[in-house]
C-alpha atoms as a PDB file:
ATOM      1  CA  MET A   1      -4.348   8.003  21.892  1.00  0.00           C
ATOM      2  CA  ASN A   2      -2.422  11.002  22.110  1.00  0.00           C
ATOM      3  CA  ARG A   3      -0.459  10.394  25.141  1.00  0.00           C
ATOM      4  CA  GLN A   4       2.467  13.372  26.286  1.00  0.00           C
ATOM      5  CA  ILE A   5       5.394  12.524  28.287  1.00  0.00           C
ATOM      6  CA  THR A   6       6.590  15.527  29.917  1.00  0.00           C
ATOM      7  CA  ALA A   7       8.426  14.251  32.523  1.00  0.00           C
ATOM      8  CA  ASP A   8      11.979  13.926  30.646  1.00  0.00           C
ATOM      9  CA  ARG A   9      12.357  16.006  28.214  1.00  0.00           C
ATOM     10  CA  GLU A  10      16.063  14.709  27.986  1.00  0.00           C
ATOM     11  CA  THR A  11      15.097  11.206  27.052  1.00  0.00           C
ATOM     12  CA  THR A  12      16.160  10.176  24.015  1.00  0.00           C
ATOM     13  CA  LEU A  13      15.852   6.925  21.613  1.00  0.00           C
ATOM     14  CA  PRO A  14      18.335   4.665  20.950  1.00  0.00           C
ATOM     15  CA  LEU A  15      19.432   4.618  16.774  1.00  0.00           C
ATOM     16  CA  ASP A  16      17.611   1.407  16.181  1.00  0.00           C
ATOM     17  CA  ASP A  17      14.159   2.329  17.718  1.00  0.00           C
ATOM     18  CA  LEU A  18      14.322   5.604  15.766  1.00  0.00           C
ATOM     19  CA  THR A  19      15.320   3.576  12.203  1.00  0.00           C
ATOM     20  CA  ALA A  20      12.345   0.699  13.279  1.00  0.00           C
ATOM     21  CA  LEU A  21      10.283   4.018  13.923  1.00  0.00           C
ATOM     22  CA  ARG A  22      10.624   5.965  10.853  1.00  0.00           C
ATOM     23  CA  ASP A  23      10.550   2.483   8.856  1.00  0.00           C
ATOM     24  CA  HIS A  24       7.324   1.567  10.580  1.00  0.00           C
ATOM     25  CA  LEU A  25       5.541   5.511   9.398  1.00  0.00           C
ATOM     26  CA  LEU A  26       6.899   5.069   6.266  1.00  0.00           C
ATOM     27  CA  GLU A  27       5.121   1.759   5.506  1.00  0.00           C
ATOM     28  CA  GLN A  28       2.020   3.299   7.058  1.00  0.00           C
ATOM     29  CA  ARG A  29       2.513   6.308   4.738  1.00  0.00           C
ATOM     30  CA  LEU A  30       2.488   4.140   1.767  1.00  0.00           C
ATOM     31  CA  PHE A  31      -0.433   1.765   2.944  1.00  0.00           C
ATOM     32  CA  ARG A  32      -2.438   4.660   3.560  1.00  0.00           C
ATOM     33  CA  GLU A  33      -1.273   6.088  -0.005  1.00  0.00           C
ATOM     34  CA  ALA A  34      -2.502   3.259  -1.895  1.00  0.00           C
ATOM     35  CA  GLN A  35      -5.731   2.931   0.437  1.00  0.00           C
ATOM     36  CA  LEU A  36      -6.447   6.764  -1.124  1.00  0.00           C
ATOM     37  CA  GLN A  37      -5.467   6.034  -4.401  1.00  0.00           C
ATOM     38  CA  HIS A  38      -7.981   2.623  -4.325  1.00  0.00           C
ATOM     39  CA  LEU A  39     -10.917   4.317  -2.665  1.00  0.00           C
ATOM     40  CA  ALA A  40     -10.229   7.392  -5.368  1.00  0.00           C
ATOM     41  CA  GLY A  41     -10.563   5.054  -7.959  1.00  0.00           C
ATOM     42  CA  ALA A  42     -13.621   3.129  -7.169  1.00  0.00           C
ATOM     43  CA  THR A  43     -15.601   6.660  -6.721  1.00  0.00           C
ATOM     44  CA  ALA A  44     -14.356   8.778  -9.926  1.00  0.00           C
ATOM     45  CA  PRO A  45     -16.689  10.053 -11.775  1.00  0.00           C
ATOM     46  CA  GLY A  46     -17.349   7.909 -14.481  1.00  0.00           C
ATOM     47  CA  SER A  47     -15.280   4.733 -13.250  1.00  0.00           C
ATOM     48  CA  ASP A  48     -17.053   1.710 -14.094  1.00  0.00           C
ATOM     49  CA  ALA A  49     -14.410  -0.332 -11.656  1.00  0.00           C
ATOM     50  CA  GLY A  50     -16.272   0.766  -8.401  1.00  0.00           C
ATOM     51  CA  LEU A  51     -19.807   0.242 -10.516  1.00  0.00           C
ATOM     52  CA  ASP A  52     -18.371  -3.478 -11.259  1.00  0.00           C
ATOM     53  CA  ARG A  53     -17.131  -4.415  -7.840  1.00  0.00           C
ATOM     54  CA  GLN A  54     -20.787  -2.860  -6.403  1.00  0.00           C
ATOM     55  CA  THR A  55     -22.381  -5.042  -9.210  1.00  0.00           C
ATOM     56  CA  ALA A  56     -20.406  -7.938  -8.119  1.00  0.00           C
ATOM     57  CA  SER A  57     -20.626  -7.741  -4.957  1.00  0.00           C
ATOM     58  CA  HIS A  58     -24.443  -8.224  -4.805  1.00  0.00           C
ATOM     59  CA  ARG A  59     -24.839 -11.171  -7.042  1.00  0.00           C
END
């Protein structure tokens, strides 16, 4: 969802909230990067890893 608060642009978040938000966003980014690396490895041309997983899942 894209919700934008436009009523009060002077509102600021406390430092603790900003720190928690930054940490959460960093954790999400690292998770997404790991997902992309995993997917790229599974679909790389000539990669047997993806084929092995597919074969194992159909047994």
